[in-house]
Amino acid sequence: MNDIIQQIKCLKVDNIKIELIGSWLWLSGDTFKIKDKLKEIGFFYSNNKKAWFYNGAKYKTHKAFYKNIQELKNRFIYKEIDLNE
């Protein structure tokens, strides 16, 4: 997961937030200009949550048990990743 975080840091984009929720990375904010790079890295977009996610899988799963990011944060261990570290 550290290599994925490092790749995002190298993009040097302002106004994005990276959160580790459970074992998945979630990326939100001003991501439109880097969407192709995120897809290349292996991220998928969740339209319901309005955020990109990375779980290490090659294909997007279609199980949507949690309706929003806050429900995920309430259920799983949560940590916000500082892009300046």
C-alpha atoms as a PDB file:
ATOM      1  CA  MET A   1       0.000   0.000   0.000  1.00  0.00           C
ATOM      2  CA  ASN A   2       2.942   2.344   0.663  1.00  0.00           C
ATOM      3  CA  ASP A   3       3.979   2.191  -2.997  1.00  0.00           C
ATOM      4  CA  ILE A   4       0.474   3.272  -4.065  1.00  0.00           C
ATOM      5  CA  ILE A   5       0.539   6.184  -1.607  1.00  0.00           C
ATOM      6  CA  GLN A   6       3.977   7.175  -2.918  1.00  0.00           C
ATOM      7  CA  GLN A   7       2.674   7.166  -6.511  1.00  0.00           C
ATOM      8  CA  ILE A   8      -0.146   9.509  -5.497  1.00  0.00           C
ATOM      9  CA  LYS A   9       2.296  11.824  -3.711  1.00  0.00           C
ATOM     10  CA  CYS A  10       4.400  11.998  -6.885  1.00  0.00           C
ATOM     11  CA  LEU A  11       1.385  13.364  -8.791  1.00  0.00           C
ATOM     12  CA  LYS A  12       1.702  16.563  -6.723  1.00  0.00           C
ATOM     13  CA  VAL A  13      -1.993  17.434  -6.787  1.00  0.00           C
ATOM     14  CA  ASP A  14      -3.589  19.938  -4.422  1.00  0.00           C
ATOM     15  CA  ASN A  15      -6.990  19.540  -2.790  1.00  0.00           C
ATOM     16  CA  ILE A  16      -7.115  15.771  -2.497  1.00  0.00           C
ATOM     17  CA  LYS A  17      -7.588  13.620   0.571  1.00  0.00           C
ATOM     18  CA  ILE A  18      -6.314  10.070   1.017  1.00  0.00           C
ATOM     19  CA  GLU A  19      -7.931   7.913   3.671  1.00  0.00           C
ATOM     20  CA  LEU A  20      -7.113   4.372   4.707  1.00  0.00           C
ATOM     21  CA  ILE A  21     -10.387   2.756   5.735  1.00  0.00           C
ATOM     22  CA  GLY A  22      -9.963  -0.876   6.696  1.00  0.00           C
ATOM     23  CA  SER A  23      -7.583  -2.234   4.061  1.00  0.00           C
ATOM     24  CA  TRP A  24      -8.809   0.037   1.261  1.00  0.00           C
ATOM     25  CA  LEU A  25      -7.453   3.413   0.177  1.00  0.00           C
ATOM     26  CA  TRP A  26     -10.042   6.072  -0.613  1.00  0.00           C
ATOM     27  CA  LEU A  27      -9.146   9.214  -2.558  1.00  0.00           C
ATOM     28  CA  SER A  28     -11.427  12.235  -2.829  1.00  0.00           C
ATOM     29  CA  GLY A  29     -11.272  15.884  -3.742  1.00  0.00           C
ATOM     30  CA  ASP A  30     -10.102  17.549  -6.950  1.00  0.00           C
ATOM     31  CA  THR A  31      -9.251  14.322  -8.820  1.00  0.00           C
ATOM     32  CA  PHE A  32     -10.668  14.993 -12.300  1.00  0.00           C
ATOM     33  CA  LYS A  33      -7.357  16.046 -13.823  1.00  0.00           C
ATOM     34  CA  ILE A  34      -5.620  12.860 -12.582  1.00  0.00           C
ATOM     35  CA  LYS A  35      -8.419  10.355 -13.223  1.00  0.00           C
ATOM     36  CA  ASP A  36      -6.558   8.578 -16.028  1.00  0.00           C
ATOM     37  CA  LYS A  37      -3.465   8.179 -13.862  1.00  0.00           C
ATOM     38  CA  LEU A  38      -5.605   6.851 -10.990  1.00  0.00           C
ATOM     39  CA  LYS A  39      -7.104   4.242 -13.317  1.00  0.00           C
ATOM     40  CA  GLU A  40      -3.606   3.309 -14.463  1.00  0.00           C
ATOM     41  CA  ILE A  41      -2.472   2.834 -10.842  1.00  0.00           C
ATOM     42  CA  GLY A  42      -5.461   0.562 -10.179  1.00  0.00           C
ATOM     43  CA  PHE A  43      -8.064   2.833  -8.594  1.00  0.00           C
ATOM     44  CA  PHE A  44     -11.775   2.533  -9.346  1.00  0.00           C
ATOM     45  CA  TYR A  45     -14.377   5.269  -8.973  1.00  0.00           C
ATOM     46  CA  SER A  46     -17.373   4.843  -6.670  1.00  0.00           C
ATOM     47  CA  ASN A  47     -20.131   7.071  -7.958  1.00  0.00           C
ATOM     48  CA  ASN A  48     -22.209   6.523  -4.798  1.00  0.00           C
ATOM     49  CA  LYS A  49     -19.381   7.662  -2.537  1.00  0.00           C
ATOM     50  CA  LYS A  50     -17.958  10.252  -4.959  1.00  0.00           C
ATOM     51  CA  ALA A  51     -14.465   8.933  -4.313  1.00  0.00           C
ATOM     52  CA  TRP A  52     -11.814   6.693  -5.850  1.00  0.00           C
ATOM     53  CA  PHE A  53     -10.867   3.457  -4.117  1.00  0.00           C
ATOM     54  CA  TYR A  54      -7.966   1.031  -4.271  1.00  0.00           C
ATOM     55  CA  ASN A  55      -8.153  -2.444  -2.806  1.00  0.00           C
ATOM     56  CA  GLY A  56      -5.474  -4.255  -4.790  1.00  0.00           C
ATOM     57  CA  ALA A  57      -8.018  -6.066  -6.981  1.00  0.00           C
ATOM     58  CA  LYS A  58      -7.840  -6.010 -10.764  1.00  0.00           C
ATOM     59  CA  TYR A  59     -11.607  -5.748 -11.155  1.00  0.00           C
ATOM     60  CA  LYS A  60     -14.206  -3.572  -9.475  1.00  0.00           C
ATOM     61  CA  THR A  61     -16.540  -5.357  -7.102  1.00  0.00           C
ATOM     62  CA  HIS A  62     -20.226  -4.500  -7.271  1.00  0.00           C
ATOM     63  CA  LYS A  63     -21.148  -5.111  -3.651  1.00  0.00           C
ATOM     64  CA  ALA A  64     -22.237  -1.851  -2.075  1.00  0.00           C
ATOM     65  CA  PHE A  65     -22.981  -2.610   1.566  1.00  0.00           C
ATOM     66  CA  TYR A  66     -22.149   0.874   2.796  1.00  0.00           C
ATOM     67  CA  LYS A  67     -23.857   3.879   1.261  1.00  0.00           C
ATOM     68  CA  ASN A  68     -21.259   6.511   2.068  1.00  0.00           C
ATOM     69  CA  ILE A  69     -17.734   7.047   3.314  1.00  0.00           C
ATOM     70  CA  GLN A  70     -18.889   7.937   6.830  1.00  0.00           C
ATOM     71  CA  GLU A  71     -20.540   4.515   7.223  1.00  0.00           C
ATOM     72  CA  LEU A  72     -17.220   2.919   6.266  1.00  0.00           C
ATOM     73  CA  LYS A  73     -15.325   5.077   8.773  1.00  0.00           C
ATOM     74  CA  ASN A  74     -17.769   4.086  11.502  1.00  0.00           C
ATOM     75  CA  ARG A  75     -17.326   0.376  10.753  1.00  0.00           C
ATOM     76  CA  PHE A  76     -13.605   0.016  10.005  1.00  0.00           C
ATOM     77  CA  ILE A  77     -10.295   1.362  11.294  1.00  0.00           C
ATOM     78  CA  TYR A  78      -9.752   4.771   9.733  1.00  0.00           C
ATOM     79  CA  LYS A  79      -6.651   6.881   9.165  1.00  0.00           C
ATOM     80  CA  GLU A  80      -6.161   9.989   7.052  1.00  0.00           C
ATOM     81  CA  ILE A  81      -2.870   9.929   5.123  1.00  0.00           C
ATOM     82  CA  ASP A  82      -0.812  13.124   5.189  1.00  0.00           C
ATOM     83  CA  LEU A  83       0.473  13.885   1.681  1.00  0.00           C
ATOM     84  CA  ASN A  84       3.234  16.103   3.084  1.00  0.00           C
ATOM     85  CA  GLU A  85       5.021  13.378   5.063  1.00  0.00           C
END
